[in-house]
Amino acid sequence: MDIEQLVSIFEIFDSWEDRYRQIIELGKNLEPLEEKFKVADFKVHGCTSQVWLIFEFQDSGDQRLMHFVADSDAHIVRGLIAILLMLFSDKSPEAIVNFDPAETFARLGLDKHLSPMRSNGLHSMVKRMKALAASAQAQEK
């Protein structure tokens, strides 16, 4: 599923309860994160729930793309991770650094319907992904 398909699905639902269920379903399909990465070095700070995030480079022709894998101990957060992976994973460091997800969050209604704590956690995950991408971008120069 891509982000446009998710937006279309969200438009079908009348209630946020249904949308939350859809977000939780997305989280059930996350790529597994090995237990060895669920340590402090890979933890995303600023999230109420525990979130761990790693990446690896994948070569795509002449570009190196960042493939993210993440997990959380909270079902709704796992779903939010799935949304972020749709937006940021398998992109170049430059594309990640330059992408602003605010419009997509608004289209999904996340900007208005997440609790302040969940919203802070979502933005902490975005900040971490962008920081990793900026570091990767700096090393390529």
N, C-alpha and C. Protein backbone atom coordinates (compact mmCIF):
# COMPACT_ATOMS: atom_id res chain seq x y z
N MET A 1 0.85 -1.17 0.00
CA MET A 1 0.00 0.00 0.00
C MET A 1 0.90 1.24 0.00
N ASP A 2 0.48 2.24 -0.74
CA ASP A 2 1.22 3.50 -0.70
C ASP A 2 0.37 4.56 -0.02
N ILE A 3 0.92 5.74 0.14
CA ILE A 3 0.25 6.78 0.92
C ILE A 3 -1.03 7.24 0.24
N GLU A 4 -1.08 7.30 -1.09
CA GLU A 4 -2.31 7.71 -1.78
C GLU A 4 -3.44 6.71 -1.55
N GLN A 5 -3.10 5.43 -1.52
CA GLN A 5 -4.12 4.41 -1.23
C GLN A 5 -4.63 4.58 0.20
N LEU A 6 -3.73 4.88 1.13
CA LEU A 6 -4.13 5.07 2.52
C LEU A 6 -5.05 6.28 2.65
N VAL A 7 -4.72 7.37 1.98
CA VAL A 7 -5.59 8.56 2.00
C VAL A 7 -6.97 8.19 1.49
N SER A 8 -7.04 7.43 0.41
CA SER A 8 -8.34 7.02 -0.15
C SER A 8 -9.13 6.17 0.84
N ILE A 9 -8.45 5.27 1.51
CA ILE A 9 -9.12 4.44 2.52
C ILE A 9 -9.65 5.31 3.66
N PHE A 10 -8.83 6.25 4.12
CA PHE A 10 -9.25 7.12 5.21
C PHE A 10 -10.47 7.95 4.83
N GLU A 11 -10.57 8.34 3.56
CA GLU A 11 -11.71 9.14 3.12
C GLU A 11 -13.01 8.35 3.18
N ILE A 12 -12.92 7.03 3.12
CA ILE A 12 -14.12 6.18 3.19
C ILE A 12 -14.70 6.16 4.61
N PHE A 13 -13.82 6.20 5.60
CA PHE A 13 -14.26 6.08 6.99
C PHE A 13 -14.88 7.38 7.49
N ASP A 14 -16.01 7.23 8.20
CA ASP A 14 -16.67 8.40 8.78
C ASP A 14 -16.14 8.75 10.15
N SER A 15 -15.67 7.75 10.87
CA SER A 15 -15.25 8.01 12.25
C SER A 15 -13.75 7.81 12.44
N TRP A 16 -13.23 8.51 13.43
CA TRP A 16 -11.82 8.34 13.73
C TRP A 16 -11.54 7.02 14.40
N GLU A 17 -12.54 6.45 15.02
CA GLU A 17 -12.37 5.11 15.60
C GLU A 17 -12.01 4.11 14.50
N ASP A 18 -12.70 4.21 13.35
CA ASP A 18 -12.39 3.33 12.22
C ASP A 18 -11.00 3.60 11.67
N ARG A 19 -10.61 4.86 11.62
CA ARG A 19 -9.28 5.22 11.12
C ARG A 19 -8.19 4.71 12.06
N TYR A 20 -8.43 4.80 13.36
CA TYR A 20 -7.47 4.26 14.32
C TYR A 20 -7.31 2.76 14.14
N ARG A 21 -8.42 2.07 13.90
CA ARG A 21 -8.35 0.62 13.66
C ARG A 21 -7.51 0.33 12.41
N GLN A 22 -7.68 1.16 11.37
CA GLN A 22 -6.89 0.99 10.15
C GLN A 22 -5.42 1.22 10.42
N ILE A 23 -5.10 2.23 11.22
CA ILE A 23 -3.70 2.51 11.57
C ILE A 23 -3.11 1.32 12.31
N ILE A 24 -3.86 0.77 13.25
CA ILE A 24 -3.38 -0.40 14.00
C ILE A 24 -3.16 -1.58 13.06
N GLU A 25 -4.05 -1.78 12.10
CA GLU A 25 -3.88 -2.86 11.12
C GLU A 25 -2.60 -2.68 10.32
N LEU A 26 -2.28 -1.43 9.94
CA LEU A 26 -1.05 -1.17 9.20
C LEU A 26 0.17 -1.65 9.99
N GLY A 27 0.14 -1.41 11.29
CA GLY A 27 1.26 -1.78 12.15
C GLY A 27 1.48 -3.27 12.24
N LYS A 28 0.46 -4.05 11.98
CA LYS A 28 0.59 -5.51 12.05
C LYS A 28 1.44 -6.06 10.92
N ASN A 29 1.65 -5.26 9.88
CA ASN A 29 2.39 -5.72 8.72
C ASN A 29 3.81 -5.17 8.64
N LEU A 30 4.30 -4.61 9.74
CA LEU A 30 5.66 -4.08 9.73
C LEU A 30 6.68 -5.19 9.52
N GLU A 31 7.74 -4.83 8.82
CA GLU A 31 8.88 -5.73 8.69
C GLU A 31 9.44 -5.95 10.11
N PRO A 32 9.73 -7.19 10.48
CA PRO A 32 10.20 -7.44 11.85
C PRO A 32 11.55 -6.78 12.13
N LEU A 33 11.68 -6.27 13.33
CA LEU A 33 12.94 -5.70 13.80
C LEU A 33 13.55 -6.70 14.77
N GLU A 34 14.77 -7.11 14.48
CA GLU A 34 15.43 -8.10 15.34
C GLU A 34 15.59 -7.56 16.75
N GLU A 35 15.47 -8.45 17.72
CA GLU A 35 15.57 -8.06 19.13
C GLU A 35 16.89 -7.36 19.46
N LYS A 36 17.96 -7.72 18.77
CA LYS A 36 19.27 -7.12 19.06
C LYS A 36 19.28 -5.62 18.80
N PHE A 37 18.30 -5.10 18.03
CA PHE A 37 18.23 -3.67 17.76
C PHE A 37 17.31 -2.93 18.74
N LYS A 38 16.65 -3.66 19.60
CA LYS A 38 15.75 -3.03 20.57
C LYS A 38 16.52 -2.67 21.84
N VAL A 39 17.49 -1.78 21.62
CA VAL A 39 18.38 -1.31 22.68
C VAL A 39 18.46 0.22 22.60
N ALA A 40 19.05 0.81 23.62
CA ALA A 40 19.10 2.27 23.74
C ALA A 40 19.71 2.97 22.53
N ASP A 41 20.71 2.36 21.90
CA ASP A 41 21.37 3.01 20.76
C ASP A 41 20.41 3.28 19.60
N PHE A 42 19.35 2.51 19.49
CA PHE A 42 18.43 2.65 18.36
C PHE A 42 17.06 3.20 18.77
N LYS A 43 16.95 3.60 20.03
CA LYS A 43 15.69 4.11 20.55
C LYS A 43 15.47 5.54 20.07
N VAL A 44 14.22 5.84 19.72
CA VAL A 44 13.84 7.20 19.33
C VAL A 44 13.40 7.93 20.60
N HIS A 45 14.09 9.00 20.91
CA HIS A 45 13.76 9.78 22.11
C HIS A 45 12.66 10.78 21.78
N GLY A 46 11.81 11.03 22.76
CA GLY A 46 10.70 11.96 22.56
C GLY A 46 9.37 11.25 22.35
N CYS A 47 9.40 9.93 22.36
CA CYS A 47 8.18 9.14 22.22
C CYS A 47 7.79 8.60 23.59
N THR A 48 6.52 8.65 23.90
CA THR A 48 6.03 8.08 25.15
C THR A 48 6.20 6.57 25.14
N SER A 49 5.84 5.96 24.03
CA SER A 49 6.03 4.52 23.86
C SER A 49 7.48 4.28 23.46
N GLN A 50 7.89 3.04 23.58
CA GLN A 50 9.24 2.71 23.13
C GLN A 50 9.22 2.53 21.62
N VAL A 51 10.15 3.19 20.95
CA VAL A 51 10.29 3.08 19.50
C VAL A 51 11.76 2.89 19.18
N TRP A 52 12.04 1.89 18.33
CA TRP A 52 13.41 1.64 17.87
C TRP A 52 13.43 1.78 16.37
N LEU A 53 14.49 2.38 15.85
CA LEU A 53 14.58 2.66 14.42
C LEU A 53 15.99 2.39 13.92
N ILE A 54 16.08 1.64 12.84
CA ILE A 54 17.37 1.41 12.18
C ILE A 54 17.19 1.64 10.69
N PHE A 55 18.30 1.71 9.99
CA PHE A 55 18.23 1.76 8.53
C PHE A 55 19.43 1.03 7.97
N GLU A 56 19.29 0.67 6.71
CA GLU A 56 20.40 0.13 5.95
C GLU A 56 20.33 0.75 4.56
N PHE A 57 21.46 0.86 3.94
CA PHE A 57 21.48 1.37 2.58
C PHE A 57 21.17 0.25 1.61
N GLN A 58 20.42 0.60 0.58
CA GLN A 58 20.18 -0.31 -0.52
C GLN A 58 20.55 0.43 -1.80
N ASP A 59 21.28 -0.25 -2.65
CA ASP A 59 21.67 0.38 -3.91
C ASP A 59 20.56 0.22 -4.94
N SER A 60 20.28 1.33 -5.61
CA SER A 60 19.28 1.33 -6.67
C SER A 60 19.89 2.06 -7.86
N GLY A 61 20.56 1.30 -8.70
CA GLY A 61 21.25 1.93 -9.82
C GLY A 61 22.38 2.79 -9.32
N ASP A 62 22.32 4.08 -9.60
CA ASP A 62 23.39 4.99 -9.18
C ASP A 62 23.07 5.68 -7.86
N GLN A 63 21.97 5.30 -7.19
CA GLN A 63 21.59 5.94 -5.93
C GLN A 63 21.64 4.96 -4.77
N ARG A 64 21.98 5.50 -3.62
CA ARG A 64 21.88 4.73 -2.38
C ARG A 64 20.61 5.17 -1.67
N LEU A 65 19.74 4.23 -1.43
CA LEU A 65 18.47 4.52 -0.77
C LEU A 65 18.51 4.03 0.67
N MET A 66 17.82 4.74 1.54
CA MET A 66 17.76 4.37 2.95
C MET A 66 16.50 3.54 3.19
N HIS A 67 16.71 2.32 3.65
CA HIS A 67 15.59 1.43 3.98
C HIS A 67 15.49 1.39 5.50
N PHE A 68 14.36 1.88 6.02
CA PHE A 68 14.15 1.93 7.47
C PHE A 68 13.37 0.71 7.94
N VAL A 69 13.70 0.27 9.14
CA VAL A 69 12.94 -0.75 9.85
C VAL A 69 12.76 -0.21 11.26
N ALA A 70 11.54 -0.33 11.78
CA ALA A 70 11.25 0.21 13.11
C ALA A 70 10.20 -0.64 13.79
N ASP A 71 10.13 -0.48 15.10
CA ASP A 71 9.13 -1.21 15.88
C ASP A 71 8.80 -0.40 17.13
N SER A 72 7.70 -0.76 17.75
CA SER A 72 7.26 -0.11 18.99
C SER A 72 6.56 -1.12 19.86
N ASP A 73 6.43 -0.77 21.13
CA ASP A 73 5.69 -1.63 22.05
C ASP A 73 4.21 -1.26 22.09
N ALA A 74 3.78 -0.26 21.30
CA ALA A 74 2.39 0.18 21.28
C ALA A 74 1.79 -0.05 19.88
N HIS A 75 0.59 -0.61 19.84
CA HIS A 75 -0.04 -0.95 18.56
C HIS A 75 -0.27 0.27 17.68
N ILE A 76 -0.81 1.34 18.24
CA ILE A 76 -1.10 2.52 17.43
C ILE A 76 0.20 3.14 16.90
N VAL A 77 1.25 3.10 17.70
CA VAL A 77 2.53 3.65 17.27
C VAL A 77 3.12 2.80 16.15
N ARG A 78 2.95 1.50 16.24
CA ARG A 78 3.41 0.64 15.13
C ARG A 78 2.72 1.05 13.83
N GLY A 79 1.44 1.40 13.90
CA GLY A 79 0.73 1.87 12.72
C GLY A 79 1.26 3.20 12.22
N LEU A 80 1.58 4.10 13.13
CA LEU A 80 2.17 5.39 12.74
C LEU A 80 3.53 5.17 12.09
N ILE A 81 4.28 4.21 12.62
CA ILE A 81 5.56 3.86 12.00
C ILE A 81 5.33 3.40 10.56
N ALA A 82 4.31 2.57 10.36
CA ALA A 82 4.02 2.08 9.00
C ALA A 82 3.75 3.25 8.06
N ILE A 83 3.05 4.25 8.52
CA ILE A 83 2.78 5.44 7.70
C ILE A 83 4.08 6.16 7.39
N LEU A 84 4.93 6.33 8.40
CA LEU A 84 6.21 7.01 8.17
C LEU A 84 7.09 6.23 7.20
N LEU A 85 7.05 4.92 7.27
CA LEU A 85 7.85 4.13 6.35
C LEU A 85 7.36 4.30 4.91
N MET A 86 6.04 4.45 4.73
CA MET A 86 5.51 4.73 3.40
C MET A 86 6.08 6.04 2.85
N LEU A 87 6.27 7.00 3.76
CA LEU A 87 6.72 8.33 3.35
C LEU A 87 8.24 8.43 3.17
N PHE A 88 9.00 7.74 4.03
CA PHE A 88 10.43 7.98 4.09
C PHE A 88 11.32 6.82 3.66
N SER A 89 10.86 5.59 3.79
CA SER A 89 11.74 4.47 3.51
C SER A 89 11.95 4.28 2.01
N ASP A 90 13.13 3.78 1.69
CA ASP A 90 13.52 3.49 0.32
C ASP A 90 13.60 4.76 -0.54
N LYS A 91 14.06 5.82 0.10
CA LYS A 91 14.29 7.11 -0.56
C LYS A 91 15.76 7.49 -0.36
N SER A 92 16.22 8.43 -1.16
CA SER A 92 17.59 8.92 -1.01
C SER A 92 17.68 9.80 0.24
N PRO A 93 18.87 9.90 0.83
CA PRO A 93 19.02 10.81 1.97
C PRO A 93 18.54 12.22 1.65
N GLU A 94 18.87 12.71 0.46
CA GLU A 94 18.46 14.07 0.07
C GLU A 94 16.94 14.20 0.04
N ALA A 95 16.26 13.22 -0.53
CA ALA A 95 14.79 13.26 -0.60
C ALA A 95 14.18 13.25 0.80
N ILE A 96 14.77 12.48 1.71
CA ILE A 96 14.27 12.40 3.08
C ILE A 96 14.45 13.73 3.79
N VAL A 97 15.63 14.31 3.67
CA VAL A 97 15.92 15.58 4.32
C VAL A 97 14.98 16.68 3.82
N ASN A 98 14.67 16.66 2.53
CA ASN A 98 13.89 17.73 1.92
C ASN A 98 12.37 17.53 1.99
N PHE A 99 11.92 16.36 2.40
CA PHE A 99 10.47 16.09 2.41
C PHE A 99 9.83 16.61 3.69
N ASP A 100 8.74 17.34 3.53
CA ASP A 100 7.96 17.83 4.67
C ASP A 100 6.65 17.04 4.71
N PRO A 101 6.45 16.23 5.74
CA PRO A 101 5.26 15.37 5.79
C PRO A 101 4.00 16.08 6.28
N ALA A 102 4.08 17.37 6.60
CA ALA A 102 2.94 18.07 7.20
C ALA A 102 1.67 17.98 6.35
N GLU A 103 1.80 18.15 5.04
CA GLU A 103 0.62 18.09 4.17
C GLU A 103 0.00 16.70 4.20
N THR A 104 0.82 15.67 4.18
CA THR A 104 0.31 14.30 4.23
C THR A 104 -0.36 14.04 5.57
N PHE A 105 0.25 14.49 6.66
CA PHE A 105 -0.37 14.32 7.97
C PHE A 105 -1.73 15.00 8.01
N ALA A 106 -1.84 16.18 7.40
CA ALA A 106 -3.11 16.90 7.35
C ALA A 106 -4.13 16.13 6.51
N ARG A 107 -3.70 15.61 5.36
CA ARG A 107 -4.62 14.85 4.49
C ARG A 107 -5.16 13.62 5.21
N LEU A 108 -4.34 13.03 6.07
CA LEU A 108 -4.77 11.85 6.83
C LEU A 108 -5.54 12.25 8.10
N GLY A 109 -5.47 13.52 8.47
CA GLY A 109 -6.13 13.99 9.69
C GLY A 109 -5.31 13.77 10.95
N LEU A 110 -4.07 13.35 10.78
CA LEU A 110 -3.24 13.08 11.95
C LEU A 110 -2.92 14.36 12.71
N ASP A 111 -2.88 15.47 12.01
CA ASP A 111 -2.56 16.75 12.65
C ASP A 111 -3.64 17.17 13.64
N LYS A 112 -4.85 16.68 13.49
CA LYS A 112 -5.96 17.10 14.36
C LYS A 112 -6.46 16.01 15.30
N HIS A 113 -6.14 14.75 15.00
CA HIS A 113 -6.76 13.67 15.74
C HIS A 113 -5.82 12.85 16.61
N LEU A 114 -4.56 13.16 16.59
CA LEU A 114 -3.64 12.47 17.51
C LEU A 114 -3.56 13.27 18.80
N SER A 115 -3.40 12.56 19.90
CA SER A 115 -3.20 13.26 21.17
C SER A 115 -1.88 14.03 21.09
N PRO A 116 -1.72 15.06 21.92
CA PRO A 116 -0.45 15.80 21.90
C PRO A 116 0.77 14.90 22.12
N MET A 117 0.64 13.90 22.98
CA MET A 117 1.77 13.02 23.25
C MET A 117 2.09 12.16 22.02
N ARG A 118 1.06 11.63 21.34
CA ARG A 118 1.28 10.84 20.13
C ARG A 118 1.85 11.72 19.01
N SER A 119 1.34 12.93 18.92
CA SER A 119 1.82 13.86 17.90
C SER A 119 3.30 14.19 18.13
N ASN A 120 3.67 14.42 19.38
CA ASN A 120 5.08 14.67 19.70
C ASN A 120 5.94 13.47 19.33
N GLY A 121 5.45 12.28 19.61
CA GLY A 121 6.19 11.07 19.27
C GLY A 121 6.34 10.91 17.76
N LEU A 122 5.27 11.22 17.01
CA LEU A 122 5.33 11.14 15.56
C LEU A 122 6.39 12.10 15.02
N HIS A 123 6.39 13.31 15.54
CA HIS A 123 7.38 14.30 15.09
C HIS A 123 8.80 13.93 15.53
N SER A 124 8.92 13.26 16.67
CA SER A 124 10.24 12.78 17.10
C SER A 124 10.77 11.72 16.15
N MET A 125 9.88 10.85 15.68
CA MET A 125 10.30 9.82 14.72
C MET A 125 10.73 10.47 13.40
N VAL A 126 9.97 11.46 12.95
CA VAL A 126 10.33 12.17 11.71
C VAL A 126 11.68 12.85 11.89
N LYS A 127 11.86 13.50 13.01
CA LYS A 127 13.12 14.20 13.29
C LYS A 127 14.29 13.23 13.27
N ARG A 128 14.12 12.05 13.85
CA ARG A 128 15.19 11.06 13.89
C ARG A 128 15.52 10.55 12.48
N MET A 129 14.49 10.27 11.69
CA MET A 129 14.71 9.79 10.32
C MET A 129 15.45 10.86 9.50
N LYS A 130 15.05 12.10 9.66
CA LYS A 130 15.70 13.19 8.93
C LYS A 130 17.15 13.38 9.41
N ALA A 131 17.38 13.22 10.71
CA ALA A 131 18.74 13.35 11.24
C ALA A 131 19.65 12.24 10.69
N LEU A 132 19.14 11.03 10.64
CA LEU A 132 19.91 9.93 10.06
C LEU A 132 20.20 10.20 8.59
N ALA A 133 19.22 10.71 7.87
CA ALA A 133 19.40 11.02 6.46
C ALA A 133 20.41 12.15 6.26
N ALA A 134 20.32 13.17 7.11
CA ALA A 134 21.28 14.29 7.00
C ALA A 134 22.69 13.82 7.27
N SER A 135 22.85 12.93 8.25
CA SER A 135 24.17 12.39 8.54
C SER A 135 24.69 11.56 7.36
N ALA A 136 23.83 10.75 6.78
CA ALA A 136 24.21 9.94 5.62
C ALA A 136 24.57 10.84 4.44
N GLN A 137 23.81 11.90 4.26
CA GLN A 137 24.04 12.84 3.17
C GLN A 137 25.40 13.53 3.35
N ALA A 138 25.72 13.91 4.59
CA ALA A 138 26.99 14.58 4.87
C ALA A 138 28.16 13.64 4.61
N GLN A 139 28.00 12.36 4.91
CA GLN A 139 29.08 11.39 4.70
C GLN A 139 29.31 11.11 3.22
N GLU A 140 28.28 11.31 2.39
CA GLU A 140 28.42 11.07 0.96
C GLU A 140 29.18 12.17 0.26
N LYS A 141 29.26 13.34 0.88
CA LYS A 141 29.92 14.49 0.23
C LYS A 141 31.41 14.47 0.42
